[in-house]
Amino acid sequence: VADYATRKRRVTADEIDDLSYKQALGIGVYQCLALWPGFSRSGATIS
């Protein structure tokens, strides 16, 4: 879903230093999904 939903979306943070505080917090929220073993922390956060 993340792959297809973002293929035509404009990238606002091309590098890690471009991340906003809002994006950092949002990625942190998605990371909560990885507390379920098998979901994958990198899969959740990168998606």
All heavy atoms as atom14 arrays in JSON, in Angstrom:
{
  "sequence": "VADYATRKRRVTADEIDDLSYKQALGIGVYQCLALWPGFSRSGATIS",
  "atom14_mask": [
    [1, 1, 1, 1, 1, 1, 1, 0, 0, 0, 0, 0, 0, 0],
    [1, 1, 1, 1, 1, 0, 0, 0, 0, 0, 0, 0, 0, 0],
    [1, 1, 1, 1, 1, 1, 1, 1, 0, 0, 0, 0, 0, 0],
    [1, 1, 1, 1, 1, 1, 1, 1, 1, 1, 1, 1, 0, 0],
    [1, 1, 1, 1, 1, 0, 0, 0, 0, 0, 0, 0, 0, 0],
    [1, 1, 1, 1, 1, 1, 1, 0, 0, 0, 0, 0, 0, 0],
    [1, 1, 1, 1, 1, 1, 1, 1, 1, 1, 1, 0, 0, 0],
    [1, 1, 1, 1, 1, 1, 1, 1, 1, 0, 0, 0, 0, 0],
    [1, 1, 1, 1, 1, 1, 1, 1, 1, 1, 1, 0, 0, 0],
    [1, 1, 1, 1, 1, 1, 1, 1, 1, 1, 1, 0, 0, 0],
    [1, 1, 1, 1, 1, 1, 1, 0, 0, 0, 0, 0, 0, 0],
    [1, 1, 1, 1, 1, 1, 1, 0, 0, 0, 0, 0, 0, 0],
    [1, 1, 1, 1, 1, 0, 0, 0, 0, 0, 0, 0, 0, 0],
    [1, 1, 1, 1, 1, 1, 1, 1, 0, 0, 0, 0, 0, 0],
    [1, 1, 1, 1, 1, 1, 1, 1, 1, 0, 0, 0, 0, 0],
    [1, 1, 1, 1, 1, 1, 1, 1, 0, 0, 0, 0, 0, 0],
    [1, 1, 1, 1, 1, 1, 1, 1, 0, 0, 0, 0, 0, 0],
    [1, 1, 1, 1, 1, 1, 1, 1, 0, 0, 0, 0, 0, 0],
    [1, 1, 1, 1, 1, 1, 1, 1, 0, 0, 0, 0, 0, 0],
    [1, 1, 1, 1, 1, 1, 0, 0, 0, 0, 0, 0, 0, 0],
    [1, 1, 1, 1, 1, 1, 1, 1, 1, 1, 1, 1, 0, 0],
    [1, 1, 1, 1, 1, 1, 1, 1, 1, 0, 0, 0, 0, 0],
    [1, 1, 1, 1, 1, 1, 1, 1, 1, 0, 0, 0, 0, 0],
    [1, 1, 1, 1, 1, 0, 0, 0, 0, 0, 0, 0, 0, 0],
    [1, 1, 1, 1, 1, 1, 1, 1, 0, 0, 0, 0, 0, 0],
    [1, 1, 1, 1, 0, 0, 0, 0, 0, 0, 0, 0, 0, 0],
    [1, 1, 1, 1, 1, 1, 1, 1, 0, 0, 0, 0, 0, 0],
    [1, 1, 1, 1, 0, 0, 0, 0, 0, 0, 0, 0, 0, 0],
    [1, 1, 1, 1, 1, 1, 1, 0, 0, 0, 0, 0, 0, 0],
    [1, 1, 1, 1, 1, 1, 1, 1, 1, 1, 1, 1, 0, 0],
    [1, 1, 1, 1, 1, 1, 1, 1, 1, 0, 0, 0, 0, 0],
    [1, 1, 1, 1, 1, 1, 0, 0, 0, 0, 0, 0, 0, 0],
    [1, 1, 1, 1, 1, 1, 1, 1, 0, 0, 0, 0, 0, 0],
    [1, 1, 1, 1, 1, 0, 0, 0, 0, 0, 0, 0, 0, 0],
    [1, 1, 1, 1, 1, 1, 1, 1, 0, 0, 0, 0, 0, 0],
    [1, 1, 1, 1, 1, 1, 1, 1, 1, 1, 1, 1, 1, 1],
    [1, 1, 1, 1, 1, 1, 1, 0, 0, 0, 0, 0, 0, 0],
    [1, 1, 1, 1, 0, 0, 0, 0, 0, 0, 0, 0, 0, 0],
    [1, 1, 1, 1, 1, 1, 1, 1, 1, 1, 1, 0, 0, 0],
    [1, 1, 1, 1, 1, 1, 0, 0, 0, 0, 0, 0, 0, 0],
    [1, 1, 1, 1, 1, 1, 1, 1, 1, 1, 1, 0, 0, 0],
    [1, 1, 1, 1, 1, 1, 0, 0, 0, 0, 0, 0, 0, 0],
    [1, 1, 1, 1, 0, 0, 0, 0, 0, 0, 0, 0, 0, 0],
    [1, 1, 1, 1, 1, 0, 0, 0, 0, 0, 0, 0, 0, 0],
    [1, 1, 1, 1, 1, 1, 1, 0, 0, 0, 0, 0, 0, 0],
    [1, 1, 1, 1, 1, 1, 1, 1, 0, 0, 0, 0, 0, 0],
    [1, 1, 1, 1, 1, 1, 0, 0, 0, 0, 0, 0, 0, 0]
  ],
  "atom14_positions": [
    [[0.84, -1.2, 0.0], [0.0, 0.0, 0.0], [0.87, 1.25, 0.0], [0.63, 2.19, -0.77], [-0.94, 0.0, 1.21], [-1.63, 1.36, 1.37], [-2.0, -1.09, 1.07], [0.0, 0.0, 0.0], [0.0, 0.0, 0.0], [0.0, 0.0, 0.0], [0.0, 0.0, 0.0], [0.0, 0.0, 0.0], [0.0, 0.0, 0.0], [0.0, 0.0, 0.0]],
    [[1.89, 1.26, 0.85], [2.79, 2.43, 0.92], [3.53, 2.63, -0.39], [3.69, 3.77, -0.85], [3.78, 2.24, 2.06], [0.0, 0.0, 0.0], [0.0, 0.0, 0.0], [0.0, 0.0, 0.0], [0.0, 0.0, 0.0], [0.0, 0.0, 0.0], [0.0, 0.0, 0.0], [0.0, 0.0, 0.0], [0.0, 0.0, 0.0], [0.0, 0.0, 0.0]],
    [[3.95, 1.54, -1.01], [4.69, 1.63, -2.27], [3.83, 2.25, -3.37], [4.23, 3.21, -4.03], [5.16, 0.24, -2.67], [6.08, 0.27, -3.89], [6.71, 1.31, -4.13], [6.18, -0.75, -4.59], [0.0, 0.0, 0.0], [0.0, 0.0, 0.0], [0.0, 0.0, 0.0], [0.0, 0.0, 0.0], [0.0, 0.0, 0.0], [0.0, 0.0, 0.0]],
    [[2.64, 1.74, -3.55], [1.77, 2.22, -4.63], [1.19, 3.6, -4.34], [1.0, 4.41, -5.25], [0.65, 1.22, -4.89], [1.1, 0.03, -5.7], [1.55, -1.13, -5.07], [1.12, 0.06, -7.09], [2.0, -2.22, -5.8], [1.56, -1.03, -7.83], [2.0, -2.17, -7.18], [2.45, -3.24, -7.9], [0.0, 0.0, 0.0], [0.0, 0.0, 0.0]],
    [[0.94, 3.88, -3.07], [0.34, 5.17, -2.7], [1.32, 6.33, -2.86], [0.9, 7.48, -2.97], [-0.17, 5.13, -1.27], [0.0, 0.0, 0.0], [0.0, 0.0, 0.0], [0.0, 0.0, 0.0], [0.0, 0.0, 0.0], [0.0, 0.0, 0.0], [0.0, 0.0, 0.0], [0.0, 0.0, 0.0], [0.0, 0.0, 0.0], [0.0, 0.0, 0.0]],
    [[2.6, 6.03, -2.88], [3.6, 7.12, -2.9], [4.4, 7.21, -4.2], [5.3, 8.03, -4.29], [4.58, 6.93, -1.73], [5.23, 5.65, -1.83], [3.85, 7.01, -0.39], [0.0, 0.0, 0.0], [0.0, 0.0, 0.0], [0.0, 0.0, 0.0], [0.0, 0.0, 0.0], [0.0, 0.0, 0.0], [0.0, 0.0, 0.0], [0.0, 0.0, 0.0]],
    [[4.08, 6.4, -5.17], [4.88, 6.41, -6.4], [4.84, 7.75, -7.13], [5.8, 8.16, -7.76], [4.42, 5.28, -7.33], [4.88, 3.91, -6.84], [4.6, 2.82, -7.83], [5.14, 1.54, -7.37], [5.08, 0.42, -8.06], [4.49, 0.39, -9.24], [5.6, -0.69, -7.56], [0.0, 0.0, 0.0], [0.0, 0.0, 0.0], [0.0, 0.0, 0.0]],
    [[3.72, 8.45, -7.06], [3.6, 9.72, -7.75], [3.57, 10.9, -6.78], [3.31, 12.02, -7.17], [2.34, 9.73, -8.62], [2.38, 8.72, -9.76], [1.14, 8.81, -10.63], [1.2, 7.8, -11.78], [-0.02, 7.87, -12.65], [0.0, 0.0, 0.0], [0.0, 0.0, 0.0], [0.0, 0.0, 0.0], [0.0, 0.0, 0.0], [0.0, 0.0, 0.0]],
    [[3.81, 10.61, -5.5], [3.78, 11.67, -4.49], [5.11, 12.43, -4.48], [6.18, 11.84, -4.65], [3.5, 11.09, -3.12], [3.45, 12.13, -1.99], [2.98, 11.52, -0.68], [1.61, 11.04, -0.79], [0.95, 10.49, 0.23], [1.54, 10.34, 1.4], [-0.29, 10.08, 0.06], [0.0, 0.0, 0.0], [0.0, 0.0, 0.0], [0.0, 0.0, 0.0]],
    [[5.03, 13.73, -4.27], [6.23, 14.55, -4.25], [7.02, 14.28, -2.97], [6.47, 14.25, -1.88], [5.86, 16.04, -4.31], [7.06, 16.98, -4.4], [6.6, 18.4, -4.62], [5.91, 18.91, -3.44], [6.52, 19.56, -2.45], [7.84, 19.73, -2.48], [5.82, 20.02, -1.43], [0.0, 0.0, 0.0], [0.0, 0.0, 0.0], [0.0, 0.0, 0.0]],
    [[8.33, 14.08, -3.12], [9.2, 13.84, -1.98], [9.6, 15.17, -1.37], [10.15, 16.04, -2.06], [10.47, 13.05, -2.41], [11.45, 12.95, -1.26], [10.08, 11.66, -2.91], [0.0, 0.0, 0.0], [0.0, 0.0, 0.0], [0.0, 0.0, 0.0], [0.0, 0.0, 0.0], [0.0, 0.0, 0.0], [0.0, 0.0, 0.0], [0.0, 0.0, 0.0]],
    [[9.34, 15.33, -0.09], [9.69, 16.58, 0.61], [10.95, 16.44, 1.44], [11.49, 17.45, 1.91], [8.52, 17.02, 1.53], [8.25, 15.98, 2.47], [7.27, 17.31, 0.71], [0.0, 0.0, 0.0], [0.0, 0.0, 0.0], [0.0, 0.0, 0.0], [0.0, 0.0, 0.0], [0.0, 0.0, 0.0], [0.0, 0.0, 0.0], [0.0, 0.0, 0.0]],
    [[11.41, 15.22, 1.66], [12.63, 14.98, 2.43], [13.46, 13.96, 1.68], [13.3, 12.75, 1.87], [12.3, 14.5, 3.85], [0.0, 0.0, 0.0], [0.0, 0.0, 0.0], [0.0, 0.0, 0.0], [0.0, 0.0, 0.0], [0.0, 0.0, 0.0], [0.0, 0.0, 0.0], [0.0, 0.0, 0.0], [0.0, 0.0, 0.0], [0.0, 0.0, 0.0]],
    [[14.33, 14.44, 0.81], [15.15, 13.54, 0.01], [16.29, 12.94, 0.84], [16.71, 11.82, 0.61], [15.72, 14.29, -1.19], [16.35, 13.35, -2.2], [15.67, 12.41, -2.64], [17.54, 13.54, -2.53], [0.0, 0.0, 0.0], [0.0, 0.0, 0.0], [0.0, 0.0, 0.0], [0.0, 0.0, 0.0], [0.0, 0.0, 0.0], [0.0, 0.0, 0.0]],
    [[16.79, 13.71, 1.79], [17.85, 13.25, 2.68], [17.37, 13.25, 4.12], [16.39, 13.94, 4.45], [19.09, 14.15, 2.56], [19.69, 14.22, 1.18], [20.88, 15.16, 1.12], [21.26, 15.7, 2.18], [21.39, 15.37, 0.02], [0.0, 0.0, 0.0], [0.0, 0.0, 0.0], [0.0, 0.0, 0.0], [0.0, 0.0, 0.0], [0.0, 0.0, 0.0]],
    [[18.06, 12.53, 4.98], [17.66, 12.45, 6.38], [17.65, 13.83, 7.04], [16.81, 14.12, 7.9], [18.58, 11.47, 7.15], [18.04, 11.22, 8.57], [20.01, 11.97, 7.17], [18.81, 10.17, 9.33], [0.0, 0.0, 0.0], [0.0, 0.0, 0.0], [0.0, 0.0, 0.0], [0.0, 0.0, 0.0], [0.0, 0.0, 0.0], [0.0, 0.0, 0.0]],
    [[18.57, 14.71, 6.63], [18.64, 16.06, 7.21], [17.46, 16.94, 6.8], [17.26, 18.0, 7.39], [19.95, 16.75, 6.83], [21.15, 16.1, 7.5], [21.12, 15.96, 8.74], [22.1, 15.73, 6.79], [0.0, 0.0, 0.0], [0.0, 0.0, 0.0], [0.0, 0.0, 0.0], [0.0, 0.0, 0.0], [0.0, 0.0, 0.0], [0.0, 0.0, 0.0]],
    [[16.71, 16.51, 5.79], [15.54, 17.27, 5.34], [14.28, 16.95, 6.13], [13.26, 17.63, 5.97], [15.27, 17.0, 3.85], [16.41, 17.46, 2.95], [17.05, 18.47, 3.27], [16.66, 16.78, 1.92], [0.0, 0.0, 0.0], [0.0, 0.0, 0.0], [0.0, 0.0, 0.0], [0.0, 0.0, 0.0], [0.0, 0.0, 0.0], [0.0, 0.0, 0.0]],
    [[14.33, 15.94, 6.97], [13.14, 15.54, 7.72], [12.69, 16.64, 8.68], [13.51, 17.26, 9.38], [13.41, 14.27, 8.54], [13.56, 12.96, 7.76], [14.02, 11.85, 8.7], [12.25, 12.56, 7.09], [0.0, 0.0, 0.0], [0.0, 0.0, 0.0], [0.0, 0.0, 0.0], [0.0, 0.0, 0.0], [0.0, 0.0, 0.0], [0.0, 0.0, 0.0]],
    [[11.4, 16.89, 8.72], [10.85, 17.85, 9.66], [10.56, 17.15, 10.98], [10.55, 15.91, 11.06], [9.55, 18.44, 9.1], [8.54, 17.45, 9.02], [0.0, 0.0, 0.0], [0.0, 0.0, 0.0], [0.0, 0.0, 0.0], [0.0, 0.0, 0.0], [0.0, 0.0, 0.0], [0.0, 0.0, 0.0], [0.0, 0.0, 0.0], [0.0, 0.0, 0.0]],
    [[10.29, 17.92, 12.02], [9.92, 17.32, 13.3], [8.62, 16.53, 13.16], [8.45, 15.48, 13.78], [9.75, 18.41, 14.36], [11.05, 19.07, 14.78], [11.08, 20.42, 15.11], [12.23, 18.34, 14.86], [12.26, 21.04, 15.5], [13.42, 18.94, 15.25], [13.44, 20.3, 15.57], [14.61, 20.89, 15.96], [0.0, 0.0, 0.0], [0.0, 0.0, 0.0]],
    [[7.7, 17.05, 12.37], [6.42, 16.38, 12.17], [6.63, 15.02, 11.51], [5.99, 14.02, 11.9], [5.49, 17.25, 11.32], [4.1, 16.66, 11.11], [3.22, 17.61, 10.3], [1.84, 17.01, 10.09], [0.98, 17.93, 9.28], [0.0, 0.0, 0.0], [0.0, 0.0, 0.0], [0.0, 0.0, 0.0], [0.0, 0.0, 0.0], [0.0, 0.0, 0.0]],
    [[7.51, 14.97, 10.51], [7.79, 13.7, 9.85], [8.48, 12.72, 10.8], [8.17, 11.53, 10.81], [8.65, 13.93, 8.61], [7.89, 14.56, 7.45], [8.81, 14.95, 6.31], [9.88, 15.51, 6.52], [8.4, 14.64, 5.08], [0.0, 0.0, 0.0], [0.0, 0.0, 0.0], [0.0, 0.0, 0.0], [0.0, 0.0, 0.0], [0.0, 0.0, 0.0]],
    [[9.41, 13.23, 11.62], [10.11, 12.38, 12.59], [9.12, 11.75, 13.57], [9.19, 10.55, 13.86], [11.16, 13.2, 13.34], [0.0, 0.0, 0.0], [0.0, 0.0, 0.0], [0.0, 0.0, 0.0], [0.0, 0.0, 0.0], [0.0, 0.0, 0.0], [0.0, 0.0, 0.0], [0.0, 0.0, 0.0], [0.0, 0.0, 0.0], [0.0, 0.0, 0.0]],
    [[8.2, 12.56, 14.08], [7.19, 12.03, 15.01], [6.27, 11.04, 14.31], [5.93, 9.99, 14.87], [6.38, 13.19, 15.59], [5.25, 12.79, 16.56], [5.81, 12.05, 17.76], [4.48, 14.03, 17.0], [0.0, 0.0, 0.0], [0.0, 0.0, 0.0], [0.0, 0.0, 0.0], [0.0, 0.0, 0.0], [0.0, 0.0, 0.0], [0.0, 0.0, 0.0]],
    [[5.89, 11.36, 13.07], [5.01, 10.46, 12.32], [5.65, 9.11, 12.08], [5.01, 8.06, 12.24], [0.0, 0.0, 0.0], [0.0, 0.0, 0.0], [0.0, 0.0, 0.0], [0.0, 0.0, 0.0], [0.0, 0.0, 0.0], [0.0, 0.0, 0.0], [0.0, 0.0, 0.0], [0.0, 0.0, 0.0], [0.0, 0.0, 0.0], [0.0, 0.0, 0.0]],
    [[6.93, 9.11, 11.72], [7.65, 7.85, 11.52], [7.73, 7.08, 12.84], [7.61, 5.86, 12.88], [9.05, 8.11, 10.95], [8.94, 8.68, 9.52], [9.89, 6.83, 10.93], [10.26, 9.13, 8.92], [0.0, 0.0, 0.0], [0.0, 0.0, 0.0], [0.0, 0.0, 0.0], [0.0, 0.0, 0.0], [0.0, 0.0, 0.0], [0.0, 0.0, 0.0]],
    [[7.92, 7.83, 13.94], [7.94, 7.2, 15.25], [6.62, 6.53, 15.6], [6.6, 5.46, 16.21], [0.0, 0.0, 0.0], [0.0, 0.0, 0.0], [0.0, 0.0, 0.0], [0.0, 0.0, 0.0], [0.0, 0.0, 0.0], [0.0, 0.0, 0.0], [0.0, 0.0, 0.0], [0.0, 0.0, 0.0], [0.0, 0.0, 0.0], [0.0, 0.0, 0.0]],
    [[5.51, 7.15, 15.19], [4.19, 6.55, 15.43], [4.05, 5.27, 14.61], [3.56, 4.24, 15.11], [3.08, 7.55, 15.08], [1.71, 6.86, 15.13], [3.09, 8.73, 16.06], [0.0, 0.0, 0.0], [0.0, 0.0, 0.0], [0.0, 0.0, 0.0], [0.0, 0.0, 0.0], [0.0, 0.0, 0.0], [0.0, 0.0, 0.0], [0.0, 0.0, 0.0]],
    [[4.46, 5.31, 13.35], [4.41, 4.1, 12.52], [5.29, 2.99, 13.1], [5.01, 1.81, 12.94], [4.85, 4.42, 11.09], [3.77, 5.01, 10.22], [3.83, 6.34, 9.8], [2.68, 4.25, 9.82], [2.83, 6.89, 9.0], [1.68, 4.77, 9.03], [1.76, 6.09, 8.62], [0.76, 6.63, 7.83], [0.0, 0.0, 0.0], [0.0, 0.0, 0.0]],
    [[6.36, 3.37, 13.78], [7.26, 2.38, 14.36], [6.56, 1.53, 15.42], [6.96, 0.4, 15.68], [8.47, 3.08, 14.98], [9.53, 2.15, 15.49], [10.83, 2.85, 15.83], [11.9, 2.39, 15.47], [10.75, 3.96, 16.53], [0.0, 0.0, 0.0], [0.0, 0.0, 0.0], [0.0, 0.0, 0.0], [0.0, 0.0, 0.0], [0.0, 0.0, 0.0]],
    [[5.5, 2.05, 16.0], [4.74, 1.3, 17.0], [4.19, 0.0, 16.43], [3.97, -0.98, 17.16], [3.59, 2.14, 17.56], [4.13, 3.56, 18.55], [0.0, 0.0, 0.0], [0.0, 0.0, 0.0], [0.0, 0.0, 0.0], [0.0, 0.0, 0.0], [0.0, 0.0, 0.0], [0.0, 0.0, 0.0], [0.0, 0.0, 0.0], [0.0, 0.0, 0.0]],
    [[3.93, -0.03, 15.12], [3.43, -1.25, 14.48], [4.42, -2.4, 14.64], [4.03, -3.57, 14.68], [3.17, -0.99, 12.99], [2.06, 0.0, 12.65], [2.08, 0.32, 11.15], [0.69, -0.55, 13.04], [0.0, 0.0, 0.0], [0.0, 0.0, 0.0], [0.0, 0.0, 0.0], [0.0, 0.0, 0.0], [0.0, 0.0, 0.0], [0.0, 0.0, 0.0]],
    [[5.71, -2.06, 14.74], [6.75, -3.08, 14.82], [6.82, -3.74, 16.19], [7.58, -4.7, 16.37], [8.11, -2.46, 14.48], [0.0, 0.0, 0.0], [0.0, 0.0, 0.0], [0.0, 0.0, 0.0], [0.0, 0.0, 0.0], [0.0, 0.0, 0.0], [0.0, 0.0, 0.0], [0.0, 0.0, 0.0], [0.0, 0.0, 0.0], [0.0, 0.0, 0.0]],
    [[6.04, -3.26, 17.15], [5.99, -3.94, 18.45], [5.33, -5.31, 18.31], [5.46, -6.16, 19.19], [5.23, -3.08, 19.46], [5.9, -1.76, 19.84], [4.99, -0.93, 20.73], [7.24, -2.0, 20.53], [0.0, 0.0, 0.0], [0.0, 0.0, 0.0], [0.0, 0.0, 0.0], [0.0, 0.0, 0.0], [0.0, 0.0, 0.0], [0.0, 0.0, 0.0]],
    [[4.61, -5.5, 17.23], [4.02, -6.8, 16.9], [5.09, -7.61, 16.17], [5.43, -7.31, 15.03], [2.8, -6.59, 16.02], [2.06, -7.83, 15.62], [2.29, -9.11, 16.04], [0.97, -7.91, 14.71], [1.41, -9.98, 15.45], [0.58, -9.26, 14.62], [0.26, -6.96, 13.96], [-0.46, -9.7, 13.81], [-0.77, -7.39, 13.16], [-1.13, -8.75, 13.08]],
    [[5.69, -8.61, 16.8], [6.75, -9.39, 16.16], [6.3, -9.95, 14.81], [5.23, -10.53, 14.68], [7.0, -10.53, 17.16], [6.6, -9.96, 18.48], [5.41, -9.1, 18.17], [0.0, 0.0, 0.0], [0.0, 0.0, 0.0], [0.0, 0.0, 0.0], [0.0, 0.0, 0.0], [0.0, 0.0, 0.0], [0.0, 0.0, 0.0], [0.0, 0.0, 0.0]],
    [[7.13, -9.74, 13.81], [6.8, -10.17, 12.46], [6.43, -9.03, 11.56], [6.47, -9.16, 10.33], [0.0, 0.0, 0.0], [0.0, 0.0, 0.0], [0.0, 0.0, 0.0], [0.0, 0.0, 0.0], [0.0, 0.0, 0.0], [0.0, 0.0, 0.0], [0.0, 0.0, 0.0], [0.0, 0.0, 0.0], [0.0, 0.0, 0.0], [0.0, 0.0, 0.0]],
    [[6.06, -7.88, 12.14], [5.65, -6.75, 11.31], [6.86, -6.1, 10.66], [6.8, -5.66, 9.53], [4.88, -5.72, 12.15], [3.97, -4.85, 11.33], [2.62, -5.15, 11.2], [4.46, -3.73, 10.66], [1.79, -4.36, 10.43], [3.64, -2.94, 9.88], [2.29, -3.26, 9.76], [0.0, 0.0, 0.0], [0.0, 0.0, 0.0], [0.0, 0.0, 0.0]],
    [[7.96, -6.02, 11.38], [9.23, -5.45, 10.92], [9.33, -3.97, 11.23], [8.52, -3.16, 10.77], [9.45, -5.67, 9.42], [10.56, -4.91, 8.96], [0.0, 0.0, 0.0], [0.0, 0.0, 0.0], [0.0, 0.0, 0.0], [0.0, 0.0, 0.0], [0.0, 0.0, 0.0], [0.0, 0.0, 0.0], [0.0, 0.0, 0.0], [0.0, 0.0, 0.0]],
    [[10.37, -3.63, 12.0], [10.58, -2.24, 12.36], [10.97, -1.41, 11.15], [10.44, -0.32, 10.92], [11.66, -2.14, 13.45], [11.68, -0.82, 14.21], [12.89, -0.76, 15.12], [14.1, -0.99, 14.35], [14.65, -0.07, 13.59], [14.12, 1.13, 13.49], [15.73, -0.35, 12.9], [0.0, 0.0, 0.0], [0.0, 0.0, 0.0], [0.0, 0.0, 0.0]],
    [[11.91, -1.91, 10.34], [12.31, -1.15, 9.16], [11.17, -1.11, 8.14], [10.98, -0.1, 7.45], [13.57, -1.75, 8.52], [13.37, -3.1, 8.14], [0.0, 0.0, 0.0], [0.0, 0.0, 0.0], [0.0, 0.0, 0.0], [0.0, 0.0, 0.0], [0.0, 0.0, 0.0], [0.0, 0.0, 0.0], [0.0, 0.0, 0.0], [0.0, 0.0, 0.0]],
    [[10.39, -2.2, 8.05], [9.24, -2.19, 7.14], [8.23, -1.15, 7.53], [7.69, -0.43, 6.68], [0.0, 0.0, 0.0], [0.0, 0.0, 0.0], [0.0, 0.0, 0.0], [0.0, 0.0, 0.0], [0.0, 0.0, 0.0], [0.0, 0.0, 0.0], [0.0, 0.0, 0.0], [0.0, 0.0, 0.0], [0.0, 0.0, 0.0], [0.0, 0.0, 0.0]],
    [[7.95, -1.04, 8.84], [6.96, -0.08, 9.33], [7.46, 1.35, 9.19], [6.72, 2.25, 8.73], [6.62, -0.38, 10.78], [0.0, 0.0, 0.0], [0.0, 0.0, 0.0], [0.0, 0.0, 0.0], [0.0, 0.0, 0.0], [0.0, 0.0, 0.0], [0.0, 0.0, 0.0], [0.0, 0.0, 0.0], [0.0, 0.0, 0.0], [0.0, 0.0, 0.0]],
    [[8.72, 1.59, 9.56], [9.22, 2.96, 9.56], [9.51, 3.49, 8.15], [9.22, 4.64, 7.86], [10.5, 3.07, 10.41], [11.43, 2.06, 10.01], [10.19, 2.88, 11.88], [0.0, 0.0, 0.0], [0.0, 0.0, 0.0], [0.0, 0.0, 0.0], [0.0, 0.0, 0.0], [0.0, 0.0, 0.0], [0.0, 0.0, 0.0], [0.0, 0.0, 0.0]],
    [[10.06, 2.64, 7.29], [10.33, 3.1, 5.93], [9.03, 3.31, 5.17], [8.87, 4.3, 4.45], [11.27, 2.12, 5.2], [12.63, 2.07, 5.88], [11.44, 2.54, 3.73], [13.59, 1.04, 5.31], [0.0, 0.0, 0.0], [0.0, 0.0, 0.0], [0.0, 0.0, 0.0], [0.0, 0.0, 0.0], [0.0, 0.0, 0.0], [0.0, 0.0, 0.0]],
    [[8.08, 2.4, 5.35], [6.77, 2.58, 4.72], [6.1, 3.85, 5.25], [5.52, 4.63, 4.49], [5.87, 1.37, 5.0], [6.38, 0.2, 4.39], [0.0, 0.0, 0.0], [0.0, 0.0, 0.0], [0.0, 0.0, 0.0], [0.0, 0.0, 0.0], [0.0, 0.0, 0.0], [0.0, 0.0, 0.0], [0.0, 0.0, 0.0], [0.0, 0.0, 0.0]]
  ]
}
